[in-house]
């Protein structure tokens, strides 16, 4: 196991992207010291955090290992691939080129095409500049969650590479991204119809400690029931 002091993770309890990083760290058996960036309080726009990530987005991963670059790593998919290259086992990408491309494609449908449309900065713009009320914002969320997951469902059902997980019978980056969308939907109390394969794979993911331990409700700062 890596030295717990090697990595610092700038995080927030409920975000989909932070969840991805946590799951990958857990799967690799790597610990990270977490620093809470309270999105609800606007801490991501602070001068101190913008020096870490000028986009004001989380997560950010800092590698404090000997001889490592002090430059923070940002963007969850880049962080996942970095961890997979740094700690090769268990692998989060298939061994073959076509398999890797498929997993990256499935992951991008969720992390690049779906999640960015429901982030706090999008909500802020829509509720200010576009004058969305709560009902309009919720309809927006439901539309884009449904669009993304129903398209993913179609691929998972129709492609022979789908197994217990999105690609075969071991979790990959695609499963991490799938689960990251579903856990956030639960926080917003949103359900998407017609995605039984997505829900089956989510259930398989949640049988693994790496996913269960990353659940937003179990993180520091999460509201207590």
Protein backbone atom coordinates (compact mmCIF):
# COMPACT_ATOMS: atom_id res chain seq x y z
CA UNK A 1 0.00 0.00 0.00
CA UNK A 2 1.24 3.48 -0.80
CA UNK A 3 2.38 5.89 1.87
CA UNK A 4 -0.82 7.60 3.09
CA UNK A 5 1.01 10.93 2.95
CA UNK A 6 1.88 10.64 -0.74
CA UNK A 7 -1.44 11.92 -2.13
CA UNK A 8 -3.69 14.81 -1.25
CA UNK A 9 -7.23 14.82 -2.65
CA UNK A 10 -9.23 18.03 -2.81
CA UNK A 11 -12.80 16.84 -2.56
CA UNK A 12 -16.42 17.42 -1.62
CA UNK A 13 -18.75 14.80 -0.21
CA UNK A 14 -21.45 14.64 -2.88
CA UNK A 15 -19.78 15.26 -6.21
CA UNK A 16 -19.79 12.67 -8.95
CA UNK A 17 -16.23 13.43 -10.04
CA UNK A 18 -14.82 13.14 -6.52
CA UNK A 19 -16.63 9.82 -6.11
CA UNK A 20 -14.79 8.50 -9.18
CA UNK A 21 -11.42 9.38 -7.69
CA UNK A 22 -12.34 7.81 -4.35
CA UNK A 23 -13.44 4.55 -5.96
CA UNK A 24 -10.24 4.30 -8.01
CA UNK A 25 -8.08 4.98 -4.97
CA UNK A 26 -10.01 2.33 -3.04
CA UNK A 27 -9.69 -0.24 -5.82
CA UNK A 28 -5.95 0.35 -5.95
CA UNK A 29 -5.57 0.21 -2.18
CA UNK A 30 -4.13 3.72 -2.13
CA UNK A 31 -4.84 6.21 0.63
CA UNK A 32 -5.10 9.96 0.19
CA UNK A 33 -5.38 12.80 2.67
CA UNK A 34 -8.61 14.61 1.80
CA UNK A 35 -9.12 18.36 1.93
CA UNK A 36 -12.76 19.43 1.85
CA UNK A 37 -13.63 22.15 -0.64
CA UNK A 38 -17.15 23.26 0.29
CA UNK A 39 -18.93 23.89 -2.99
CA UNK A 40 -22.04 25.13 -1.21
CA UNK A 41 -19.97 27.86 0.45
CA UNK A 42 -18.20 28.76 -2.81
CA UNK A 43 -14.76 27.68 -1.63
CA UNK A 44 -13.94 26.40 -5.13
CA UNK A 45 -13.79 30.05 -6.27
CA UNK A 46 -11.37 31.10 -3.52
CA UNK A 47 -8.02 32.52 -4.54
CA UNK A 48 -6.23 29.66 -2.80
CA UNK A 49 -8.14 26.92 -4.63
CA UNK A 50 -8.01 28.62 -8.02
CA UNK A 51 -4.23 28.32 -7.77
CA UNK A 52 -4.75 24.56 -7.57
CA UNK A 53 -7.35 24.39 -10.34
CA UNK A 54 -8.14 27.56 -12.31
CA UNK A 55 -11.43 25.95 -13.42
CA UNK A 56 -12.59 25.95 -9.81
CA UNK A 57 -13.61 22.29 -10.12
CA UNK A 58 -12.88 19.24 -8.06
CA UNK A 59 -11.35 16.77 -7.58
CA UNK A 60 -7.70 17.70 -7.67
CA UNK A 61 -5.02 15.18 -6.76
CA UNK A 62 -1.58 16.26 -5.61
CA UNK A 63 1.27 13.74 -5.64
CA UNK A 64 3.66 14.47 -2.77
CA UNK A 65 5.85 11.44 -3.45
CA UNK A 66 9.63 11.86 -3.65
CA UNK A 67 10.68 13.43 -6.92
CA UNK A 68 7.09 13.88 -8.13
CA UNK A 69 5.79 16.96 -9.90
CA UNK A 70 3.98 19.35 -7.55
CA UNK A 71 1.52 20.19 -10.35
CA UNK A 72 -2.00 19.16 -9.23
CA UNK A 73 -3.77 16.59 -11.39
CA UNK A 74 -7.29 17.63 -12.36
CA UNK A 75 -10.16 16.10 -14.37
CA UNK A 76 -11.42 12.83 -12.94
CA UNK A 77 -10.80 10.71 -16.04
CA UNK A 78 -7.18 11.86 -16.18
CA UNK A 79 -6.80 11.07 -12.48
CA UNK A 80 -8.26 7.58 -12.99
CA UNK A 81 -5.86 6.82 -15.84
CA UNK A 82 -2.92 8.21 -13.84
CA UNK A 83 -3.76 5.92 -10.93
CA UNK A 84 -4.15 2.97 -13.29
CA UNK A 85 -0.73 3.60 -14.81
CA UNK A 86 0.91 4.23 -11.43
CA UNK A 87 -0.69 1.21 -9.73
CA UNK A 88 -1.31 -1.32 -12.53
CA UNK A 89 -3.17 -3.89 -10.43
CA UNK A 90 -6.05 -4.32 -10.48
CA UNK A 91 -6.29 -2.92 -13.99
CA UNK A 92 -9.07 -0.45 -14.72
CA UNK A 93 -8.66 -0.72 -18.49
CA UNK A 94 -8.68 -3.89 -20.64
CA UNK A 95 -5.47 -5.27 -22.07
CA UNK A 96 -6.53 -4.95 -25.72
CA UNK A 97 -6.77 -1.72 -27.71
CA UNK A 98 -10.39 -2.21 -28.77
CA UNK A 99 -11.42 -2.98 -25.22
CA UNK A 100 -9.65 0.10 -23.88
CA UNK A 101 -11.31 2.26 -26.52
CA UNK A 102 -14.74 0.85 -25.66
CA UNK A 103 -14.30 1.42 -21.94
CA UNK A 104 -13.08 4.98 -22.54
CA UNK A 105 -16.05 5.59 -24.83
CA UNK A 106 -18.57 4.37 -22.26
CA UNK A 107 -16.87 6.42 -19.55
CA UNK A 108 -16.91 9.55 -21.70
CA UNK A 109 -20.66 9.19 -22.34
CA UNK A 110 -21.12 9.67 -18.61
CA UNK A 111 -18.25 11.83 -17.41
CA UNK A 112 -18.02 14.08 -20.49
CA UNK A 113 -21.50 14.06 -22.05
CA UNK A 114 -23.85 13.67 -19.07
CA UNK A 115 -22.31 14.83 -15.79
CA UNK A 116 -21.13 18.29 -16.98
CA UNK A 117 -24.72 19.29 -17.73
CA UNK A 118 -25.87 18.97 -14.11
CA UNK A 119 -22.96 20.52 -12.22
CA UNK A 120 -23.38 23.42 -9.76
CA UNK A 121 -21.87 25.95 -12.17
CA UNK A 122 -24.43 24.98 -14.83
CA UNK A 123 -27.21 25.25 -12.26
CA UNK A 124 -25.96 28.69 -11.20
CA UNK A 125 -26.01 29.94 -14.79
CA UNK A 126 -29.43 28.49 -15.57
CA UNK A 127 -31.04 29.81 -12.39
CA UNK A 128 -29.58 33.29 -12.85
CA UNK A 129 -29.05 34.11 -16.52
CA UNK A 130 -31.76 31.78 -17.84
CA UNK A 131 -34.13 32.35 -14.89
CA UNK A 132 -34.81 28.67 -14.26
CA UNK A 133 -36.99 28.02 -11.22
CA UNK A 134 -36.69 24.83 -9.16
CA UNK A 135 -39.13 22.93 -11.38
CA UNK A 136 -37.30 23.87 -14.57
CA UNK A 137 -33.95 22.89 -13.06
CA UNK A 138 -35.31 19.52 -11.96
CA UNK A 139 -36.77 18.90 -15.42
CA UNK A 140 -33.36 19.74 -16.90
CA UNK A 141 -31.66 17.23 -14.58
CA UNK A 142 -34.16 14.47 -15.36
CA UNK A 143 -33.82 15.07 -19.09
CA UNK A 144 -30.04 14.82 -19.19
CA UNK A 145 -29.73 11.98 -16.71
CA UNK A 146 -32.29 10.05 -18.77
CA UNK A 147 -30.63 10.89 -22.08
CA UNK A 148 -27.23 9.70 -20.86
CA UNK A 149 -28.26 6.54 -19.04
CA UNK A 150 -30.77 5.37 -21.64
CA UNK A 151 -28.12 5.70 -24.37
CA UNK A 152 -25.69 3.78 -22.18
CA UNK A 153 -28.32 1.10 -21.57
CA UNK A 154 -28.77 0.67 -25.32
CA UNK A 155 -25.05 0.09 -25.77
CA UNK A 156 -24.71 -2.26 -22.82
CA UNK A 157 -27.59 -4.42 -24.03
CA UNK A 158 -26.48 -4.46 -27.65
CA UNK A 159 -22.74 -5.02 -27.32
CA UNK A 160 -21.33 -8.51 -26.63
CA UNK A 161 -18.47 -7.21 -24.46
CA UNK A 162 -20.89 -6.40 -21.64
CA UNK A 163 -20.64 -8.89 -18.79
CA UNK A 164 -21.21 -8.69 -15.07
CA UNK A 165 -19.84 -5.17 -15.43
CA UNK A 166 -19.78 -2.72 -18.32
CA UNK A 167 -16.90 -4.59 -19.97
CA UNK A 168 -16.45 -8.18 -18.93
CA UNK A 169 -16.57 -9.41 -15.38
CA UNK A 170 -14.25 -7.00 -13.57
CA UNK A 171 -14.86 -3.31 -12.88
CA UNK A 172 -13.29 -0.73 -15.15
CA UNK A 173 -13.27 3.03 -15.50
CA UNK A 174 -16.63 2.70 -17.25
CA UNK A 175 -18.22 1.16 -14.14
CA UNK A 176 -16.74 3.86 -11.93
CA UNK A 177 -18.33 6.50 -14.16
CA UNK A 178 -21.67 4.66 -14.30
CA UNK A 179 -21.81 4.40 -10.53
CA UNK A 180 -20.83 8.05 -10.13
CA UNK A 181 -23.92 9.14 -12.04
CA UNK A 182 -26.30 6.83 -10.19
CA UNK A 183 -25.11 7.88 -6.72
CA UNK A 184 -25.67 11.55 -7.57
CA UNK A 185 -29.12 10.80 -8.98
CA UNK A 186 -29.99 9.25 -5.63
CA UNK A 187 -28.94 12.41 -3.81
CA UNK A 188 -31.27 14.41 -6.06
CA UNK A 189 -33.99 11.73 -5.68
CA UNK A 190 -34.18 11.21 -9.44
CA UNK A 191 -34.96 7.90 -11.12
CA UNK A 192 -34.50 7.02 -14.79
CA UNK A 193 -36.84 4.52 -16.42
CA UNK A 194 -35.85 1.73 -18.77
CA UNK A 195 -32.28 1.07 -17.61
CA UNK A 196 -32.31 -2.42 -16.03
CA UNK A 197 -28.77 -3.25 -17.17
CA UNK A 198 -27.42 -0.03 -15.70
CA UNK A 199 -29.10 -0.84 -12.38
CA UNK A 200 -27.87 -4.44 -12.45
CA UNK A 201 -24.29 -3.28 -12.95
CA UNK A 202 -24.70 -0.65 -10.24
CA UNK A 203 -25.82 -3.37 -7.82
CA UNK A 204 -22.74 -5.44 -8.72
CA UNK A 205 -20.50 -2.44 -8.10
CA UNK A 206 -22.02 -1.81 -4.69
CA UNK A 207 -21.13 -5.34 -3.62
CA UNK A 208 -17.48 -4.23 -3.75
CA UNK A 209 -16.00 -2.43 -0.75
CA UNK A 210 -14.22 0.06 -3.00
CA UNK A 211 -17.55 1.42 -4.22
CA UNK A 212 -19.41 1.09 -0.92
CA UNK A 213 -16.73 3.04 0.97
CA UNK A 214 -16.88 5.84 -1.61
CA UNK A 215 -20.63 6.38 -1.17
CA UNK A 216 -21.29 10.12 -0.75
CA UNK A 217 -23.33 9.59 2.40
CA UNK A 218 -20.32 8.05 4.13
CA UNK A 219 -18.01 11.02 3.54
CA UNK A 220 -17.01 13.80 5.89
CA UNK A 221 -19.39 16.74 5.50
CA UNK A 222 -22.35 14.66 4.35
CA UNK A 223 -25.63 15.53 6.08
CA UNK A 224 -26.61 13.10 8.79
CA UNK A 225 -29.99 11.40 8.57
